[in-house]
Amino acid sequence: MASGASYVAATRQEPHNLMSTQTPAVPRGLHHNDVALLWGCSVRTILRLIHSGELEAARIGRKTYIVSQVDAAEFYARRSAGLSAIGTSKNGGRPWGG
C-alpha cells in the first residue's frame, strides 16, 4: 500500500479552469486619472478627450471613466504618429494639447 503523501499526490487532479477555455481575455481598463498620470497631462485633458469622443471610455458611476488599455495605446500611437509627421511640437512632444 502506498504511503499517505504519495497516495494524495497520485490521486490529486488539477481543477478545471473554465475561464481559459470558454471566455476570451478581457482587456484591462485604466481609471482616467491613471491615464493622465501615465501620459503626463492633466485629468481635465483626458476628460476633454473622452467627452469629445476622441478617446473611448466606459462611464462607471457619476464621475469615473475607465479607458481600455488597448484604446489608450491606439489613441497614443495615432496621435504620436500624427505629430511625428508634422515635426516637433511646442507642447514638449506630447500627442495632446495639454
Protein backbone atom coordinates (compact mmCIF):
# COMPACT_ATOMS: atom_id res chain seq x y z
CA MET A 1 0.00 0.00 0.00
CA ALA A 2 1.25 3.50 -0.84
CA SER A 3 2.15 5.98 1.83
CA GLY A 4 -0.32 8.78 2.60
CA ALA A 5 1.60 11.58 0.83
CA SER A 6 2.23 9.62 -2.37
CA TYR A 7 -1.41 8.45 -2.48
CA VAL A 8 -2.66 12.04 -2.23
CA ALA A 9 -0.21 13.18 -4.90
CA ALA A 10 -1.22 10.32 -7.21
CA THR A 11 -4.95 10.96 -6.87
CA ARG A 12 -4.94 14.76 -6.90
CA GLN A 13 -6.34 16.32 -10.04
CA GLU A 14 -5.83 19.87 -11.15
CA PRO A 15 -9.01 21.96 -11.05
CA HIS A 16 -10.56 22.62 -14.43
CA ASN A 17 -10.04 26.22 -15.47
CA LEU A 18 -13.22 27.27 -17.26
CA MET A 19 -12.06 30.85 -17.80
CA SER A 20 -9.21 29.92 -20.12
CA THR A 21 -11.27 27.65 -22.37
CA GLN A 22 -14.63 29.38 -22.66
CA THR A 23 -14.19 33.13 -22.47
CA PRO A 24 -11.80 35.40 -24.36
CA ALA A 25 -9.36 37.56 -22.47
CA VAL A 26 -10.86 40.89 -21.47
CA PRO A 27 -8.59 43.89 -21.85
CA ARG A 28 -7.87 45.62 -18.57
CA GLY A 29 -9.01 49.14 -18.03
CA LEU A 30 -7.35 52.23 -16.60
CA HIS A 31 -9.02 54.89 -14.49
CA HIS A 32 -8.98 58.25 -16.26
CA ASN A 33 -6.70 59.63 -13.51
CA ASP A 34 -4.18 56.86 -14.24
CA VAL A 35 -4.20 57.67 -17.96
CA ALA A 36 -3.44 61.32 -17.14
CA LEU A 37 -0.60 60.27 -14.85
CA LEU A 38 0.89 57.90 -17.44
CA TRP A 39 0.68 60.45 -20.24
CA GLY A 40 1.91 63.36 -18.15
CA CYS A 41 -1.11 65.58 -18.76
CA SER A 42 -3.97 66.92 -16.69
CA VAL A 43 -7.05 64.93 -15.75
CA ARG A 44 -9.12 67.65 -17.43
CA THR A 45 -7.33 66.95 -20.73
CA ILE A 46 -8.26 63.26 -20.53
CA LEU A 47 -11.86 64.13 -19.68
CA ARG A 48 -11.97 66.55 -22.63
CA LEU A 49 -10.73 63.80 -24.96
CA ILE A 50 -13.34 61.38 -23.58
CA HIS A 51 -16.21 63.87 -23.84
CA SER A 52 -15.26 64.85 -27.40
CA GLY A 53 -15.25 61.18 -28.43
CA GLU A 54 -11.56 61.13 -29.38
CA LEU A 55 -10.75 58.67 -26.59
CA GLU A 56 -13.16 55.81 -25.91
CA ALA A 57 -14.09 55.15 -22.30
CA ALA A 58 -16.80 53.48 -20.25
CA ARG A 59 -18.56 55.55 -17.66
CA ILE A 60 -18.67 53.97 -14.22
CA GLY A 61 -20.79 55.90 -11.75
CA ARG A 62 -21.20 59.67 -11.95
CA LYS A 63 -17.62 60.87 -12.33
CA THR A 64 -15.47 57.87 -13.14
CA TYR A 65 -14.35 56.71 -16.58
CA ILE A 66 -12.46 53.53 -17.43
CA VAL A 67 -10.27 53.54 -20.54
CA SER A 68 -9.27 50.20 -22.03
CA GLN A 69 -5.50 49.74 -22.25
CA VAL A 70 -5.91 48.84 -25.92
CA ASP A 71 -7.86 52.03 -26.68
CA ALA A 72 -5.36 54.15 -24.76
CA ALA A 73 -2.41 52.62 -26.63
CA GLU A 74 -4.10 53.02 -30.03
CA PHE A 75 -5.01 56.64 -29.33
CA TYR A 76 -1.48 57.42 -28.15
CA ALA A 77 0.03 55.76 -31.23
CA ARG A 78 -2.33 57.63 -33.60
CA ARG A 79 -1.60 60.97 -32.01
CA SER A 80 2.16 60.33 -31.81
CA ALA A 81 2.28 59.31 -35.48
CA GLY A 82 0.42 62.47 -36.46
CA LEU A 83 2.86 64.68 -34.58
CA SER A 84 5.95 62.94 -35.93
CA ALA A 85 4.72 63.61 -39.48
CA ILE A 86 4.44 67.32 -38.67
CA GLY A 87 7.78 67.55 -36.89
CA THR A 88 8.47 68.92 -33.45
CA SER A 89 5.66 70.34 -31.42
CA LYS A 90 5.62 73.21 -28.98
CA ASN A 91 3.96 71.12 -26.25
CA GLY A 92 7.02 69.07 -25.33
CA GLY A 93 6.31 66.19 -27.72
CA ARG A 94 3.04 65.18 -26.08
CA PRO A 95 0.37 63.94 -28.50
CA TRP A 96 -2.38 66.11 -26.96
CA GLY A 97 -2.84 69.78 -26.40
CA GLY A 98 -2.21 69.84 -22.63
